[in-house]
Amino acid sequence: VQLPFYGWYEDHGHTWWVWTCLAG
């Protein structure tokens, strides 16, 4: 669900949210 918003996460410094879900 977060993959389409990767650009937004990257712009705001929150890419770790996406990678935390993958690690989980």
mmCIF file of all heavy atoms, coordinates in Angstrom:
data_MODEL
# 
_entry.id   MODEL 
# 
loop_
_atom_site.group_PDB 
_atom_site.id 
_atom_site.type_symbol 
_atom_site.label_atom_id 
_atom_site.label_alt_id 
_atom_site.label_comp_id 
_atom_site.label_asym_id 
_atom_site.label_entity_id 
_atom_site.label_seq_id 
_atom_site.pdbx_PDB_ins_code 
_atom_site.Cartn_x 
_atom_site.Cartn_y 
_atom_site.Cartn_z 
_atom_site.occupancy 
_atom_site.B_iso_or_equiv 
_atom_site.pdbx_formal_charge 
_atom_site.auth_seq_id 
_atom_site.auth_comp_id 
_atom_site.auth_asym_id 
_atom_site.auth_atom_id 
_atom_site.pdbx_PDB_model_num 
ATOM 1   N N   . VAL A 1 1  ? 0.834  -1.208 0.000  1.00 0.00 ? 1  VAL A N   1 
ATOM 2   C CA  . VAL A 1 1  ? 0.000  0.000  0.000  1.00 0.00 ? 1  VAL A CA  1 
ATOM 3   C C   . VAL A 1 1  ? 0.868  1.257  0.000  1.00 0.00 ? 1  VAL A C   1 
ATOM 4   O O   . VAL A 1 1  ? 0.512  2.267  -0.618 1.00 0.00 ? 1  VAL A O   1 
ATOM 5   C CB  . VAL A 1 1  ? -0.961 -0.017 1.210  1.00 0.00 ? 1  VAL A CB  1 
ATOM 6   C CG1 . VAL A 1 1  ? -1.604 1.336  1.442  1.00 0.00 ? 1  VAL A CG1 1 
ATOM 7   C CG2 . VAL A 1 1  ? -2.024 -1.086 1.022  1.00 0.00 ? 1  VAL A CG2 1 
ATOM 8   N N   . GLN A 1 2  ? 2.017  1.223  0.645  1.00 0.00 ? 2  GLN A N   1 
ATOM 9   C CA  . GLN A 1 2  ? 2.877  2.402  0.730  1.00 0.00 ? 2  GLN A CA  1 
ATOM 10  C C   . GLN A 1 2  ? 3.750  2.604  -0.508 1.00 0.00 ? 2  GLN A C   1 
ATOM 11  O O   . GLN A 1 2  ? 4.246  3.708  -0.723 1.00 0.00 ? 2  GLN A O   1 
ATOM 12  C CB  . GLN A 1 2  ? 3.770  2.313  1.965  1.00 0.00 ? 2  GLN A CB  1 
ATOM 13  C CG  . GLN A 1 2  ? 3.016  2.472  3.249  1.00 0.00 ? 2  GLN A CG  1 
ATOM 14  C CD  . GLN A 1 2  ? 3.922  2.376  4.465  1.00 0.00 ? 2  GLN A CD  1 
ATOM 15  O OE1 . GLN A 1 2  ? 5.129  2.263  4.355  1.00 0.00 ? 2  GLN A OE1 1 
ATOM 16  N NE2 . GLN A 1 2  ? 3.319  2.428  5.637  1.00 0.00 ? 2  GLN A NE2 1 
ATOM 17  N N   . LEU A 1 3  ? 3.932  1.581  -1.319 1.00 0.00 ? 3  LEU A N   1 
ATOM 18  C CA  . LEU A 1 3  ? 4.804  1.698  -2.492 1.00 0.00 ? 3  LEU A CA  1 
ATOM 19  C C   . LEU A 1 3  ? 4.412  2.821  -3.455 1.00 0.00 ? 3  LEU A C   1 
ATOM 20  O O   . LEU A 1 3  ? 5.291  3.551  -3.927 1.00 0.00 ? 3  LEU A O   1 
ATOM 21  C CB  . LEU A 1 3  ? 4.901  0.368  -3.231 1.00 0.00 ? 3  LEU A CB  1 
ATOM 22  C CG  . LEU A 1 3  ? 5.926  -0.615 -2.690 1.00 0.00 ? 3  LEU A CG  1 
ATOM 23  C CD1 . LEU A 1 3  ? 5.902  -1.889 -3.537 1.00 0.00 ? 3  LEU A CD1 1 
ATOM 24  C CD2 . LEU A 1 3  ? 7.308  -0.032 -2.651 1.00 0.00 ? 3  LEU A CD2 1 
ATOM 25  N N   . PRO A 1 4  ? 3.135  3.004  -3.783 1.00 0.00 ? 4  PRO A N   1 
ATOM 26  C CA  . PRO A 1 4  ? 2.801  4.093  -4.700 1.00 0.00 ? 4  PRO A CA  1 
ATOM 27  C C   . PRO A 1 4  ? 3.149  5.490  -4.161 1.00 0.00 ? 4  PRO A C   1 
ATOM 28  O O   . PRO A 1 4  ? 3.303  6.430  -4.920 1.00 0.00 ? 4  PRO A O   1 
ATOM 29  C CB  . PRO A 1 4  ? 1.284  3.970  -4.894 1.00 0.00 ? 4  PRO A CB  1 
ATOM 30  C CG  . PRO A 1 4  ? 0.946  2.584  -4.502 1.00 0.00 ? 4  PRO A CG  1 
ATOM 31  C CD  . PRO A 1 4  ? 1.969  2.178  -3.488 1.00 0.00 ? 4  PRO A CD  1 
ATOM 32  N N   . PHE A 1 5  ? 3.290  5.603  -2.849 1.00 0.00 ? 5  PHE A N   1 
ATOM 33  C CA  . PHE A 1 5  ? 3.581  6.893  -2.229 1.00 0.00 ? 5  PHE A CA  1 
ATOM 34  C C   . PHE A 1 5  ? 5.053  7.040  -1.852 1.00 0.00 ? 5  PHE A C   1 
ATOM 35  O O   . PHE A 1 5  ? 5.412  7.894  -1.044 1.00 0.00 ? 5  PHE A O   1 
ATOM 36  C CB  . PHE A 1 5  ? 2.709  7.069  -0.973 1.00 0.00 ? 5  PHE A CB  1 
ATOM 37  C CG  . PHE A 1 5  ? 1.247  6.907  -1.253 1.00 0.00 ? 5  PHE A CG  1 
ATOM 38  C CD1 . PHE A 1 5  ? 0.575  5.744  -0.907 1.00 0.00 ? 5  PHE A CD1 1 
ATOM 39  C CD2 . PHE A 1 5  ? 0.537  7.907  -1.885 1.00 0.00 ? 5  PHE A CD2 1 
ATOM 40  C CE1 . PHE A 1 5  ? -0.767 5.587  -1.174 1.00 0.00 ? 5  PHE A CE1 1 
ATOM 41  C CE2 . PHE A 1 5  ? -0.814 7.770  -2.162 1.00 0.00 ? 5  PHE A CE2 1 
ATOM 42  C CZ  . PHE A 1 5  ? -1.466 6.595  -1.802 1.00 0.00 ? 5  PHE A CZ  1 
ATOM 43  N N   . TYR A 1 6  ? 5.897  6.202  -2.450 1.00 0.00 ? 6  TYR A N   1 
ATOM 44  C CA  . TYR A 1 6  ? 7.326  6.213  -2.098 1.00 0.00 ? 6  TYR A CA  1 
ATOM 45  C C   . TYR A 1 6  ? 7.939  7.598  -2.292 1.00 0.00 ? 6  TYR A C   1 
ATOM 46  O O   . TYR A 1 6  ? 8.745  8.039  -1.479 1.00 0.00 ? 6  TYR A O   1 
ATOM 47  C CB  . TYR A 1 6  ? 8.098  5.168  -2.910 1.00 0.00 ? 6  TYR A CB  1 
ATOM 48  C CG  . TYR A 1 6  ? 9.519  5.006  -2.452 1.00 0.00 ? 6  TYR A CG  1 
ATOM 49  C CD1 . TYR A 1 6  ? 9.810  4.210  -1.354 1.00 0.00 ? 6  TYR A CD1 1 
ATOM 50  C CD2 . TYR A 1 6  ? 10.563 5.680  -3.076 1.00 0.00 ? 6  TYR A CD2 1 
ATOM 51  C CE1 . TYR A 1 6  ? 11.098 4.061  -0.906 1.00 0.00 ? 6  TYR A CE1 1 
ATOM 52  C CE2 . TYR A 1 6  ? 11.870 5.546  -2.633 1.00 0.00 ? 6  TYR A CE2 1 
ATOM 53  C CZ  . TYR A 1 6  ? 12.130 4.726  -1.550 1.00 0.00 ? 6  TYR A CZ  1 
ATOM 54  O OH  . TYR A 1 6  ? 13.414 4.594  -1.094 1.00 0.00 ? 6  TYR A OH  1 
ATOM 55  N N   . GLY A 1 7  ? 7.558  8.286  -3.358 1.00 0.00 ? 7  GLY A N   1 
ATOM 56  C CA  . GLY A 1 7  ? 8.097  9.636  -3.608 1.00 0.00 ? 7  GLY A CA  1 
ATOM 57  C C   . GLY A 1 7  ? 7.772  10.596 -2.479 1.00 0.00 ? 7  GLY A C   1 
ATOM 58  O O   . GLY A 1 7  ? 8.620  11.384 -2.042 1.00 0.00 ? 7  GLY A O   1 
ATOM 59  N N   . TRP A 1 8  ? 6.542  10.532 -1.985 1.00 0.00 ? 8  TRP A N   1 
ATOM 60  C CA  . TRP A 1 8  ? 6.156  11.409 -0.883 1.00 0.00 ? 8  TRP A CA  1 
ATOM 61  C C   . TRP A 1 8  ? 6.967  11.074 0.374  1.00 0.00 ? 8  TRP A C   1 
ATOM 62  O O   . TRP A 1 8  ? 7.446  11.979 1.064  1.00 0.00 ? 8  TRP A O   1 
ATOM 63  C CB  . TRP A 1 8  ? 4.661  11.252 -0.589 1.00 0.00 ? 8  TRP A CB  1 
ATOM 64  C CG  . TRP A 1 8  ? 4.186  12.190 0.477  1.00 0.00 ? 8  TRP A CG  1 
ATOM 65  C CD1 . TRP A 1 8  ? 3.724  13.455 0.314  1.00 0.00 ? 8  TRP A CD1 1 
ATOM 66  C CD2 . TRP A 1 8  ? 4.151  11.927 1.882  1.00 0.00 ? 8  TRP A CD2 1 
ATOM 67  N NE1 . TRP A 1 8  ? 3.392  14.007 1.522  1.00 0.00 ? 8  TRP A NE1 1 
ATOM 68  C CE2 . TRP A 1 8  ? 3.654  13.080 2.513  1.00 0.00 ? 8  TRP A CE2 1 
ATOM 69  C CE3 . TRP A 1 8  ? 4.491  10.837 2.673  1.00 0.00 ? 8  TRP A CE3 1 
ATOM 70  C CZ2 . TRP A 1 8  ? 3.478  13.171 3.880  1.00 0.00 ? 8  TRP A CZ2 1 
ATOM 71  C CZ3 . TRP A 1 8  ? 4.322  10.926 4.041  1.00 0.00 ? 8  TRP A CZ3 1 
ATOM 72  C CH2 . TRP A 1 8  ? 3.821  12.083 4.636  1.00 0.00 ? 8  TRP A CH2 1 
ATOM 73  N N   . TYR A 1 9  ? 7.103  9.778  0.641  1.00 0.00 ? 9  TYR A N   1 
ATOM 74  C CA  . TYR A 1 9  ? 7.887  9.375  1.809  1.00 0.00 ? 9  TYR A CA  1 
ATOM 75  C C   . TYR A 1 9  ? 9.334  9.841  1.678  1.00 0.00 ? 9  TYR A C   1 
ATOM 76  O O   . TYR A 1 9  ? 9.946  10.278 2.647  1.00 0.00 ? 9  TYR A O   1 
ATOM 77  C CB  . TYR A 1 9  ? 7.850  7.853  1.994  1.00 0.00 ? 9  TYR A CB  1 
ATOM 78  C CG  . TYR A 1 9  ? 6.534  7.334  2.519  1.00 0.00 ? 9  TYR A CG  1 
ATOM 79  C CD1 . TYR A 1 9  ? 5.739  6.491  1.753  1.00 0.00 ? 9  TYR A CD1 1 
ATOM 80  C CD2 . TYR A 1 9  ? 6.075  7.673  3.780  1.00 0.00 ? 9  TYR A CD2 1 
ATOM 81  C CE1 . TYR A 1 9  ? 4.539  6.009  2.218  1.00 0.00 ? 9  TYR A CE1 1 
ATOM 82  C CE2 . TYR A 1 9  ? 4.872  7.201  4.262  1.00 0.00 ? 9  TYR A CE2 1 
ATOM 83  C CZ  . TYR A 1 9  ? 4.106  6.368  3.474  1.00 0.00 ? 9  TYR A CZ  1 
ATOM 84  O OH  . TYR A 1 9  ? 2.914  5.905  3.951  1.00 0.00 ? 9  TYR A OH  1 
ATOM 85  N N   . GLU A 1 10 ? 9.871  9.750  0.463  1.00 0.00 ? 10 GLU A N   1 
ATOM 86  C CA  . GLU A 1 10 ? 11.254 10.166 0.236  1.00 0.00 ? 10 GLU A CA  1 
ATOM 87  C C   . GLU A 1 10 ? 11.416 11.675 0.412  1.00 0.00 ? 10 GLU A C   1 
ATOM 88  O O   . GLU A 1 10 ? 12.379 12.142 1.025  1.00 0.00 ? 10 GLU A O   1 
ATOM 89  C CB  . GLU A 1 10 ? 11.698 9.743  -1.165 1.00 0.00 ? 10 GLU A CB  1 
ATOM 90  C CG  . GLU A 1 10 ? 13.175 9.918  -1.408 1.00 0.00 ? 10 GLU A CG  1 
ATOM 91  C CD  . GLU A 1 10 ? 13.583 9.318  -2.735 1.00 0.00 ? 10 GLU A CD  1 
ATOM 92  O OE1 . GLU A 1 10 ? 12.804 9.389  -3.693 1.00 0.00 ? 10 GLU A OE1 1 
ATOM 93  O OE2 . GLU A 1 10 ? 14.702 8.772  -2.773 1.00 0.00 ? 10 GLU A OE2 1 
ATOM 94  N N   . ASP A 1 11 ? 10.452 12.443 -0.083 1.00 0.00 ? 11 ASP A N   1 
ATOM 95  C CA  . ASP A 1 11 ? 10.501 13.902 0.054  1.00 0.00 ? 11 ASP A CA  1 
ATOM 96  C C   . ASP A 1 11 ? 10.446 14.338 1.510  1.00 0.00 ? 11 ASP A C   1 
ATOM 97  O O   . ASP A 1 11 ? 11.042 15.349 1.890  1.00 0.00 ? 11 ASP A O   1 
ATOM 98  C CB  . ASP A 1 11 ? 9.339  14.554 -0.708 1.00 0.00 ? 11 ASP A CB  1 
ATOM 99  C CG  . ASP A 1 11 ? 9.462  14.394 -2.213 1.00 0.00 ? 11 ASP A CG  1 
ATOM 100 O OD1 . ASP A 1 11 ? 10.580 14.091 -2.693 1.00 0.00 ? 11 ASP A OD1 1 
ATOM 101 O OD2 . ASP A 1 11 ? 8.429  14.560 -2.908 1.00 0.00 ? 11 ASP A OD2 1 
ATOM 102 N N   . HIS A 1 12 ? 9.745  13.610 2.332  1.00 0.00 ? 12 HIS A N   1 
ATOM 103 C CA  . HIS A 1 12 ? 9.564  13.981 3.736  1.00 0.00 ? 12 HIS A CA  1 
ATOM 104 C C   . HIS A 1 12 ? 10.485 13.221 4.691  1.00 0.00 ? 12 HIS A C   1 
ATOM 105 O O   . HIS A 1 12 ? 10.359 13.350 5.913  1.00 0.00 ? 12 HIS A O   1 
ATOM 106 C CB  . HIS A 1 12 ? 8.106  13.787 4.136  1.00 0.00 ? 12 HIS A CB  1 
ATOM 107 C CG  . HIS A 1 12 ? 7.176  14.738 3.460  1.00 0.00 ? 12 HIS A CG  1 
ATOM 108 N ND1 . HIS A 1 12 ? 6.623  14.471 2.220  1.00 0.00 ? 12 HIS A ND1 1 
ATOM 109 C CD2 . HIS A 1 12 ? 6.719  15.963 3.817  1.00 0.00 ? 12 HIS A CD2 1 
ATOM 110 C CE1 . HIS A 1 12 ? 5.862  15.489 1.859  1.00 0.00 ? 12 HIS A CE1 1 
ATOM 111 N NE2 . HIS A 1 12 ? 5.903  16.411 2.811  1.00 0.00 ? 12 HIS A NE2 1 
ATOM 112 N N   . GLY A 1 13 ? 11.381 12.405 4.140  1.00 0.00 ? 13 GLY A N   1 
ATOM 113 C CA  . GLY A 1 13 ? 12.336 11.687 4.985  1.00 0.00 ? 13 GLY A CA  1 
ATOM 114 C C   . GLY A 1 13 ? 11.755 10.528 5.759  1.00 0.00 ? 13 GLY A C   1 
ATOM 115 O O   . GLY A 1 13 ? 12.228 10.192 6.850  1.00 0.00 ? 13 GLY A O   1 
ATOM 116 N N   . HIS A 1 14 ? 10.700 9.929  5.216  1.00 0.00 ? 14 HIS A N   1 
ATOM 117 C CA  . HIS A 1 14 ? 10.041 8.823  5.910  1.00 0.00 ? 14 HIS A CA  1 
ATOM 118 C C   . HIS A 1 14 ? 10.133 7.507  5.156  1.00 0.00 ? 14 HIS A C   1 
ATOM 119 O O   . HIS A 1 14 ? 9.278  6.622  5.318  1.00 0.00 ? 14 HIS A O   1 
ATOM 120 C CB  . HIS A 1 14 ? 8.561  9.137  6.152  1.00 0.00 ? 14 HIS A CB  1 
ATOM 121 C CG  . HIS A 1 14 ? 8.325  10.307 7.045  1.00 0.00 ? 14 HIS A CG  1 
ATOM 122 N ND1 . HIS A 1 14 ? 8.794  10.368 8.330  1.00 0.00 ? 14 HIS A ND1 1 
ATOM 123 C CD2 . HIS A 1 14 ? 7.661  11.461 6.828  1.00 0.00 ? 14 HIS A CD2 1 
ATOM 124 C CE1 . HIS A 1 14 ? 8.426  11.520 8.881  1.00 0.00 ? 14 HIS A CE1 1 
ATOM 125 N NE2 . HIS A 1 14 ? 7.738  12.205 7.983  1.00 0.00 ? 14 HIS A NE2 1 
ATOM 126 N N   . THR A 1 15 ? 11.160 7.312  4.349  1.00 0.00 ? 15 THR A N   1 
ATOM 127 C CA  . THR A 1 15 ? 11.270 6.052  3.598  1.00 0.00 ? 15 THR A CA  1 
ATOM 128 C C   . THR A 1 15 ? 11.455 4.857  4.524  1.00 0.00 ? 15 THR A C   1 
ATOM 129 O O   . THR A 1 15 ? 11.150 3.728  4.136  1.00 0.00 ? 15 THR A O   1 
ATOM 130 C CB  . THR A 1 15 ? 12.436 6.101  2.593  1.00 0.00 ? 15 THR A CB  1 
ATOM 131 O OG1 . THR A 1 15 ? 13.632 6.425  3.283  1.00 0.00 ? 15 THR A OG1 1 
ATOM 132 C CG2 . THR A 1 15 ? 12.166 7.118  1.501  1.00 0.00 ? 15 THR A CG2 1 
ATOM 133 N N   . TRP A 1 16 ? 11.906 5.105  5.716  1.00 0.00 ? 16 TRP A N   1 
ATOM 134 C CA  . TRP A 1 16 ? 12.094 4.001  6.657  1.00 0.00 ? 16 TRP A CA  1 
ATOM 135 C C   . TRP A 1 16 ? 10.768 3.323  6.985  1.00 0.00 ? 16 TRP A C   1 
ATOM 136 O O   . TRP A 1 16 ? 10.738 2.153  7.371  1.00 0.00 ? 16 TRP A O   1 
ATOM 137 C CB  . TRP A 1 16 ? 12.813 4.480  7.922  1.00 0.00 ? 16 TRP A CB  1 
ATOM 138 C CG  . TRP A 1 16 ? 12.056 5.486  8.734  1.00 0.00 ? 16 TRP A CG  1 
ATOM 139 C CD1 . TRP A 1 16 ? 12.068 6.839  8.602  1.00 0.00 ? 16 TRP A CD1 1 
ATOM 140 C CD2 . TRP A 1 16 ? 11.163 5.202  9.814  1.00 0.00 ? 16 TRP A CD2 1 
ATOM 141 N NE1 . TRP A 1 16 ? 11.230 7.415  9.522  1.00 0.00 ? 16 TRP A NE1 1 
ATOM 142 C CE2 . TRP A 1 16 ? 10.675 6.439  10.288 1.00 0.00 ? 16 TRP A CE2 1 
ATOM 143 C CE3 . TRP A 1 16 ? 10.738 4.031  10.420 1.00 0.00 ? 16 TRP A CE3 1 
ATOM 144 C CZ2 . TRP A 1 16 ? 9.771  6.529  11.326 1.00 0.00 ? 16 TRP A CZ2 1 
ATOM 145 C CZ3 . TRP A 1 16 ? 9.838  4.124  11.473 1.00 0.00 ? 16 TRP A CZ3 1 
ATOM 146 C CH2 . TRP A 1 16 ? 9.374  5.370  11.916 1.00 0.00 ? 16 TRP A CH2 1 
ATOM 147 N N   . TRP A 1 17 ? 9.638  4.046  6.835  1.00 0.00 ? 17 TRP A N   1 
ATOM 148 C CA  . TRP A 1 17 ? 8.336  3.425  7.066  1.00 0.00 ? 17 TRP A CA  1 
ATOM 149 C C   . TRP A 1 17 ? 8.110  2.280  6.095  1.00 0.00 ? 17 TRP A C   1 
ATOM 150 O O   . TRP A 1 17 ? 7.637  1.201  6.479  1.00 0.00 ? 17 TRP A O   1 
ATOM 151 C CB  . TRP A 1 17 ? 7.209  4.439  6.902  1.00 0.00 ? 17 TRP A CB  1 
ATOM 152 C CG  . TRP A 1 17 ? 7.101  5.462  7.990  1.00 0.00 ? 17 TRP A CG  1 
ATOM 153 C CD1 . TRP A 1 17 ? 7.971  5.659  9.021  1.00 0.00 ? 17 TRP A CD1 1 
ATOM 154 C CD2 . TRP A 1 17 ? 6.076  6.420  8.130  1.00 0.00 ? 17 TRP A CD2 1 
ATOM 155 N NE1 . TRP A 1 17 ? 7.540  6.695  9.799  1.00 0.00 ? 17 TRP A NE1 1 
ATOM 156 C CE2 . TRP A 1 17 ? 6.370  7.193  9.275  1.00 0.00 ? 17 TRP A CE2 1 
ATOM 157 C CE3 . TRP A 1 17 ? 4.937  6.725  7.413  1.00 0.00 ? 17 TRP A CE3 1 
ATOM 158 C CZ2 . TRP A 1 17 ? 5.563  8.225  9.714  1.00 0.00 ? 17 TRP A CZ2 1 
ATOM 159 C CZ3 . TRP A 1 17 ? 4.133  7.764  7.848  1.00 0.00 ? 17 TRP A CZ3 1 
ATOM 160 C CH2 . TRP A 1 17 ? 4.446  8.497  8.990  1.00 0.00 ? 17 TRP A CH2 1 
ATOM 161 N N   . VAL A 1 18 ? 8.440  2.524  4.809  1.00 0.00 ? 18 VAL A N   1 
ATOM 162 C CA  . VAL A 1 18 ? 8.251  1.509  3.777  1.00 0.00 ? 18 VAL A CA  1 
ATOM 163 C C   . VAL A 1 18 ? 9.145  0.306  4.063  1.00 0.00 ? 18 VAL A C   1 
ATOM 164 O O   . VAL A 1 18 ? 8.705  -0.850 4.022  1.00 0.00 ? 18 VAL A O   1 
ATOM 165 C CB  . VAL A 1 18 ? 8.557  2.091  2.384  1.00 0.00 ? 18 VAL A CB  1 
ATOM 166 C CG1 . VAL A 1 18 ? 8.432  1.024  1.313  1.00 0.00 ? 18 VAL A CG1 1 
ATOM 167 C CG2 . VAL A 1 18 ? 7.650  3.274  2.077  1.00 0.00 ? 18 VAL A CG2 1 
ATOM 168 N N   . TRP A 1 19 ? 10.401 0.565  4.367  1.00 0.00 ? 19 TRP A N   1 
ATOM 169 C CA  . TRP A 1 19 ? 11.356 -0.531 4.575  1.00 0.00 ? 19 TRP A CA  1 
ATOM 170 C C   . TRP A 1 19 ? 11.095 -1.269 5.884  1.00 0.00 ? 19 TRP A C   1 
ATOM 171 O O   . TRP A 1 19 ? 11.409 -2.457 6.004  1.00 0.00 ? 19 TRP A O   1 
ATOM 172 C CB  . TRP A 1 19 ? 12.794 -0.014 4.500  1.00 0.00 ? 19 TRP A CB  1 
ATOM 173 C CG  . TRP A 1 19 ? 13.033 0.628  3.172  1.00 0.00 ? 19 TRP A CG  1 
ATOM 174 C CD1 . TRP A 1 19 ? 13.394 1.920  2.931  1.00 0.00 ? 19 TRP A CD1 1 
ATOM 175 C CD2 . TRP A 1 19 ? 12.868 0.018  1.887  1.00 0.00 ? 19 TRP A CD2 1 
ATOM 176 N NE1 . TRP A 1 19 ? 13.470 2.155  1.579  1.00 0.00 ? 19 TRP A NE1 1 
ATOM 177 C CE2 . TRP A 1 19 ? 13.158 0.997  0.914  1.00 0.00 ? 19 TRP A CE2 1 
ATOM 178 C CE3 . TRP A 1 19 ? 12.495 -1.240 1.455  1.00 0.00 ? 19 TRP A CE3 1 
ATOM 179 C CZ2 . TRP A 1 19 ? 13.093 0.742  -0.444 1.00 0.00 ? 19 TRP A CZ2 1 
ATOM 180 C CZ3 . TRP A 1 19 ? 12.428 -1.502 0.099  1.00 0.00 ? 19 TRP A CZ3 1 
ATOM 181 C CH2 . TRP A 1 19 ? 12.725 -0.526 -0.836 1.00 0.00 ? 19 TRP A CH2 1 
ATOM 182 N N   . THR A 1 20 ? 10.505 -0.593 6.850  1.00 0.00 ? 20 THR A N   1 
ATOM 183 C CA  . THR A 1 20 ? 10.120 -1.281 8.089  1.00 0.00 ? 20 THR A CA  1 
ATOM 184 C C   . THR A 1 20 ? 9.035  -2.321 7.807  1.00 0.00 ? 20 THR A C   1 
ATOM 185 O O   . THR A 1 20 ? 9.078  -3.440 8.336  1.00 0.00 ? 20 THR A O   1 
ATOM 186 C CB  . THR A 1 20 ? 9.623  -0.276 9.138  1.00 0.00 ? 20 THR A CB  1 
ATOM 187 O OG1 . THR A 1 20 ? 10.682 0.638  9.444  1.00 0.00 ? 20 THR A OG1 1 
ATOM 188 C CG2 . THR A 1 20 ? 9.167  -0.958 10.408 1.00 0.00 ? 20 THR A CG2 1 
ATOM 189 N N   . CYS A 1 21 ? 8.086  -1.966 6.945  1.00 0.00 ? 21 CYS A N   1 
ATOM 190 C CA  . CYS A 1 21 ? 7.028  -2.926 6.588  1.00 0.00 ? 21 CYS A CA  1 
ATOM 191 C C   . CYS A 1 21 ? 7.604  -4.126 5.842  1.00 0.00 ? 21 CYS A C   1 
ATOM 192 O O   . CYS A 1 21 ? 7.196  -5.267 6.083  1.00 0.00 ? 21 CYS A O   1 
ATOM 193 C CB  . CYS A 1 21 ? 5.965  -2.238 5.744  1.00 0.00 ? 21 CYS A CB  1 
ATOM 194 S SG  . CYS A 1 21 ? 5.026  -0.998 6.651  1.00 0.00 ? 21 CYS A SG  1 
ATOM 195 N N   . LEU A 1 22 ? 8.567  -3.879 4.952  1.00 0.00 ? 22 LEU A N   1 
ATOM 196 C CA  . LEU A 1 22 ? 9.185  -4.992 4.238  1.00 0.00 ? 22 LEU A CA  1 
ATOM 197 C C   . LEU A 1 22 ? 9.972  -5.885 5.202  1.00 0.00 ? 22 LEU A C   1 
ATOM 198 O O   . LEU A 1 22 ? 9.903  -7.107 5.117  1.00 0.00 ? 22 LEU A O   1 
ATOM 199 C CB  . LEU A 1 22 ? 10.109 -4.476 3.136  1.00 0.00 ? 22 LEU A CB  1 
ATOM 200 C CG  . LEU A 1 22 ? 10.767 -5.540 2.270  1.00 0.00 ? 22 LEU A CG  1 
ATOM 201 C CD1 . LEU A 1 22 ? 9.713  -6.358 1.539  1.00 0.00 ? 22 LEU A CD1 1 
ATOM 202 C CD2 . LEU A 1 22 ? 11.724 -4.904 1.293  1.00 0.00 ? 22 LEU A CD2 1 
ATOM 203 N N   . ALA A 1 23 ? 10.679 -5.260 6.141  1.00 0.00 ? 23 ALA A N   1 
ATOM 204 C CA  . ALA A 1 23 ? 11.419 -6.047 7.138  1.00 0.00 ? 23 ALA A CA  1 
ATOM 205 C C   . ALA A 1 23 ? 10.458 -6.855 8.013  1.00 0.00 ? 23 ALA A C   1 
ATOM 206 O O   . ALA A 1 23 ? 10.737 -8.012 8.348  1.00 0.00 ? 23 ALA A O   1 
ATOM 207 C CB  . ALA A 1 23 ? 12.273 -5.126 8.008  1.00 0.00 ? 23 ALA A CB  1 
ATOM 208 N N   . GLY A 1 24 ? 9.313  -6.269 8.370  1.00 0.00 ? 24 GLY A N   1 
ATOM 209 C CA  . GLY A 1 24 ? 8.309  -6.998 9.150  1.00 0.00 ? 24 GLY A CA  1 
ATOM 210 C C   . GLY A 1 24 ? 7.790  -8.210 8.405  1.00 0.00 ? 24 GLY A C   1 
ATOM 211 O O   . GLY A 1 24 ? 7.606  -9.283 8.979  1.00 0.00 ? 24 GLY A O   1 
# 
